[in-house]
Protein backbone atom coordinates (compact mmCIF):
# COMPACT_ATOMS: atom_id res chain seq x y z
CA MET A 1 0.00 0.00 0.00
CA LYS A 2 1.16 3.58 -0.60
CA LYS A 3 3.17 4.93 2.32
CA LEU A 4 2.30 8.44 3.43
CA SER A 5 5.02 10.74 4.74
CA SER A 6 4.45 13.28 7.49
CA ARG A 7 4.28 16.23 5.06
CA SER A 8 2.08 14.19 2.75
CA LEU A 9 -0.16 13.29 5.70
CA ALA A 10 -0.74 16.97 6.39
CA LEU A 11 -1.44 17.67 2.74
CA ALA A 12 -3.60 14.58 2.16
CA SER A 13 -5.76 15.11 5.22
CA ALA A 14 -5.97 18.83 4.50
CA SER A 15 -6.29 18.61 0.73
CA GLY A 16 -9.44 20.08 -0.79
CA TYR A 17 -11.57 17.90 -3.02
CA LEU A 18 -15.32 17.74 -3.68
CA VAL A 19 -17.00 16.58 -0.49
CA VAL A 20 -20.29 14.75 -0.34
CA SER A 21 -21.58 15.31 3.20
CA ILE A 22 -22.47 18.36 5.55
CA LEU A 23 -23.16 18.58 9.27
CA ILE A 24 -26.54 20.06 10.20
CA GLY A 25 -26.10 19.78 13.97
CA THR A 26 -25.35 22.68 16.26
CA ALA A 27 -22.57 23.35 18.75
CA LEU A 28 -21.20 20.38 20.72
CA VAL A 29 -20.68 20.12 24.46
CA THR A 30 -19.18 16.78 25.46
CA THR A 31 -20.57 15.26 28.64
CA GLN A 32 -18.25 13.52 31.07
CA LYS A 33 -18.14 9.80 30.42
CA GLN A 34 -15.99 6.90 31.51
CA GLU A 35 -13.60 5.87 28.73
CA PRO A 36 -13.96 2.20 27.67
CA ARG A 37 -11.19 -0.32 28.26
CA ALA A 38 -9.03 -1.13 25.27
CA LEU A 39 -9.97 -4.42 23.64
CA ASN A 40 -7.62 -7.03 22.22
CA THR A 41 -7.62 -5.51 18.72
CA PRO A 42 -8.08 -1.87 17.70
CA ASN A 43 -10.75 -2.80 15.15
CA ASP A 44 -13.09 -3.80 17.96
CA TYR A 45 -13.78 -0.09 18.43
CA ASN A 46 -15.60 0.08 15.10
CA ASN A 47 -18.77 -1.60 16.32
CA ASP A 48 -18.77 -1.33 20.12
CA TYR A 49 -19.06 1.27 22.85
CA ASN A 50 -21.77 3.59 21.59
CA ARG A 51 -22.00 6.77 23.63
CA THR A 52 -24.27 9.81 23.78
CA THR A 53 -23.31 13.46 24.10
CA ALA A 54 -25.23 16.75 23.96
CA TRP A 55 -25.31 19.25 21.10
CA PRO A 56 -26.64 22.55 22.55
CA THR A 57 -28.60 25.12 20.57
CA VAL A 58 -27.98 28.65 21.82
CA THR A 59 -30.57 31.34 21.13
CA THR A 60 -29.91 34.98 22.04
CA ARG A 61 -32.62 37.65 22.18
CA THR A 62 -31.85 41.32 22.74
CA THR A 63 -34.28 44.00 23.88
CA ARG A 64 -33.58 47.65 24.58
CA THR A 65 -32.38 46.95 28.10
CA THR A 66 -31.67 43.23 28.38
CA ARG A 67 -30.05 40.39 26.52
CA THR A 68 -31.32 36.87 27.19
CA THR A 69 -29.53 33.68 26.16
CA THR A 70 -31.36 30.34 26.19
CA THR A 71 -29.64 26.98 25.71
CA THR A 72 -31.41 23.73 24.82
CA THR A 73 -29.76 20.36 24.22
CA GLU A 74 -30.32 17.46 21.87
CA ALA A 75 -28.88 13.99 22.47
CA VAL A 76 -26.43 12.82 19.80
CA ASP A 77 -25.07 9.28 19.66
CA TYR A 78 -21.42 8.71 18.81
CA ARG A 79 -19.08 5.75 18.71
CA LEU A 80 -15.35 5.13 19.00
CA VAL A 81 -13.56 4.03 15.83
CA SER A 82 -10.01 2.89 15.21
CA GLY A 83 -7.71 4.31 12.57
CA PRO A 84 -4.17 3.85 11.26
CA SER A 85 -1.19 3.49 13.62
CA GLY A 86 -3.33 2.71 16.68
CA LEU A 87 -5.44 5.87 16.45
CA VAL A 88 -8.80 5.91 18.23
CA THR A 89 -11.31 8.75 17.88
CA ALA A 90 -15.05 9.44 18.07
CA ILE A 91 -17.53 10.10 15.25
CA PRO A 92 -21.34 10.40 15.16
CA ASN A 93 -22.90 6.96 15.32
CA SER A 94 -24.63 7.15 11.92
CA TRP A 95 -21.51 8.13 9.95
CA THR A 96 -19.80 5.58 7.70
CA VAL A 97 -16.01 5.15 7.56
CA SER A 98 -14.22 4.45 4.29
CA GLN A 99 -10.63 4.36 3.10
CA GLY A 100 -9.15 7.70 2.03
CA ASP A 101 -7.01 8.35 -1.00
CA VAL A 102 -4.00 6.99 0.89
CA ALA A 103 -3.67 4.05 3.24
CA THR A 104 -2.94 6.13 6.33
CA VAL A 105 -6.03 8.37 6.19
CA GLN A 106 -9.67 7.29 6.65
CA ILE A 107 -12.81 9.34 5.97
CA ALA A 108 -16.20 9.38 7.70
CA ARG A 109 -19.31 10.68 5.90
CA SER A 110 -23.06 10.72 6.35
CA SER A 111 -25.62 11.01 3.57
CA ALA A 112 -27.93 12.68 6.11
CA TRP A 113 -25.38 15.50 6.55
CA PRO A 114 -24.26 16.41 3.03
CA GLY A 115 -21.14 18.55 2.68
CA PHE A 116 -19.13 17.48 5.75
CA GLU A 117 -16.18 15.09 6.02
CA LEU A 118 -14.22 13.81 9.00
CA ARG A 119 -10.69 12.62 8.20
CA PHE A 120 -8.34 10.85 10.59
CA GLY A 121 -5.04 9.02 10.30
CA GLY A 122 -1.44 8.57 11.38
CA ALA A 123 2.00 7.94 9.90
CA PRO A 124 5.66 8.17 10.97
CA PRO A 125 7.08 11.60 10.07
CA GLU A 126 9.30 11.78 6.99
CA ASN A 127 11.47 14.48 8.58
CA PRO A 128 11.55 13.72 12.33
CA GLN A 129 14.42 16.19 12.76
CA LEU A 130 11.87 18.96 12.17
CA SER A 131 9.34 19.91 14.82
CA LEU A 132 5.68 19.13 14.24
CA PHE A 133 4.97 22.84 13.86
CA GLN A 134 7.68 23.14 11.20
CA ARG A 135 6.24 20.23 9.24
CA ILE A 136 2.66 21.56 9.30
CA SER A 137 3.94 25.03 8.45
CA ALA A 138 5.56 23.50 5.35
CA ALA A 139 2.18 22.06 4.37
CA HIS A 140 0.69 25.54 4.82
CA GLU A 141 3.34 27.00 2.52
CA ALA A 142 2.63 24.33 -0.08
CA LYS A 143 -1.03 25.39 -0.21
CA THR A 144 -0.38 29.14 -0.35
CA GLY A 145 -1.49 30.70 -3.64
CA LYS A 146 -3.58 27.69 -4.69
CA ASN A 147 -7.35 27.15 -4.75
CA SER A 148 -8.13 30.49 -3.05
CA TYR A 149 -6.37 29.23 0.07
CA SER A 150 -6.48 31.58 3.08
CA MET A 151 -5.13 30.62 6.48
CA GLU A 152 -7.28 31.58 9.49
CA SER A 153 -5.07 30.17 12.26
CA LEU A 154 -1.94 28.06 12.65
CA ARG A 155 -0.73 27.64 16.20
CA ASP A 156 1.58 25.49 18.27
CA THR A 157 -0.12 23.79 21.23
CA THR A 158 -0.30 20.46 23.08
CA LEU A 159 -2.73 17.55 23.21
CA ARG A 160 -2.60 15.45 26.38
CA GLY A 161 0.98 16.56 26.85
CA TYR A 162 2.07 15.70 23.29
CA PRO A 163 3.29 18.35 20.83
CA SER A 164 0.28 19.48 18.78
CA VAL A 165 -0.68 21.95 16.05
CA LYS A 166 -4.12 23.47 15.34
CA TRP A 167 -4.61 24.63 11.73
CA SER A 168 -7.76 26.24 10.26
CA TYR A 169 -8.26 27.78 6.83
CA THR A 170 -10.60 28.33 3.89
CA THR A 171 -10.04 27.02 0.38
CA ALA A 172 -11.97 26.35 -2.83
CA PRO A 173 -10.85 23.18 -4.61
CA ASN A 174 -12.72 22.63 -7.86
CA GLY A 175 -14.35 26.02 -7.24
CA VAL A 176 -16.24 24.72 -4.17
CA ALA A 177 -15.67 26.88 -1.07
CA GLN A 178 -14.73 24.96 2.09
CA PHE A 179 -13.81 25.62 5.68
CA CYS A 180 -11.18 23.22 7.02
CA THR A 181 -9.96 22.73 10.56
CA GLY A 182 -7.65 20.09 12.00
CA ALA A 183 -5.49 19.00 14.91
CA TRP A 184 -2.14 17.25 14.52
CA TRP A 185 -0.09 15.72 17.33
CA GLU A 186 3.01 13.56 17.61
CA ALA A 187 3.14 10.54 19.93
CA ASN A 188 5.50 7.55 20.05
CA GLY A 189 7.13 8.44 16.75
CA VAL A 190 3.83 8.81 14.87
CA GLU A 191 2.19 11.99 13.54
CA TYR A 192 -1.60 11.79 13.98
CA VAL A 193 -4.26 14.00 12.43
CA LEU A 194 -7.96 14.70 13.00
CA PHE A 195 -9.45 16.91 10.30
CA VAL A 196 -12.91 18.29 9.48
CA VAL A 197 -14.15 19.77 6.19
CA SER A 198 -17.36 21.81 5.91
CA PRO A 199 -18.90 24.56 3.81
CA PRO A 200 -18.01 28.06 5.07
CA SER A 201 -21.40 28.34 6.80
CA GLY A 202 -20.64 25.21 8.84
CA ARG A 203 -17.46 26.40 10.53
CA ALA A 204 -18.96 26.50 14.03
CA GLN A 205 -20.21 22.93 13.66
CA ALA A 206 -16.86 21.88 12.20
CA GLU A 207 -14.98 23.17 15.24
CA LYS A 208 -17.37 21.39 17.59
CA MET A 209 -17.02 18.17 15.64
CA LEU A 210 -13.23 18.46 15.86
CA SER A 211 -13.65 18.95 19.61
CA LEU A 212 -15.59 15.68 19.81
CA MET A 213 -12.86 13.87 17.88
CA THR A 214 -9.98 15.26 19.94
CA THR A 215 -11.76 14.75 23.27
CA HIS A 216 -11.88 11.00 22.66
CA ALA A 217 -8.63 10.66 20.68
CA LYS A 218 -5.94 8.13 21.64
CA PRO A 219 -3.03 7.80 21.97
């Protein structure tokens, strides 16, 4: 199978191509839940351990003297799924996982939510002498000037103590405008990625979906 380098992982997971699903939920607040024990094989996560979280809808009304905010919640089922290089993350229960364009990236879609994609994967870095931020910055540079690419944020951070990078931007591959947001982190010699694609109007939902994926991500 085709091996994906670290720089290629960033580009493949972040590459723009015509998407076929969109999230119509609202903002996500993850409830506290006990994490399941690891099973004998990572693939066991694909069908077991369904969980439920809350997606709040926030409504704000303003009068001349007061501003009132009301929050209601809707239960959303999700499940843990396994990915390349021992990756575990969470996706909505009704979404279907398929192989991406390369062996080290998988994609989740839902026909009920057209226009959204969740991508997740992992691969050893091609240039481990470079920091994770340097490698993702190189992917940013490779996209500059192409497909109406515009970076919104690119920052160095941590995820559960591991070096991590958060990258968000807009692009328009094939003339289709997209908002993209992702989290990369490096653990045990592997560069992992969780990445969400949405239309520009779905950026709030995209960020909340990424929050769901990172909250339950392992390692």
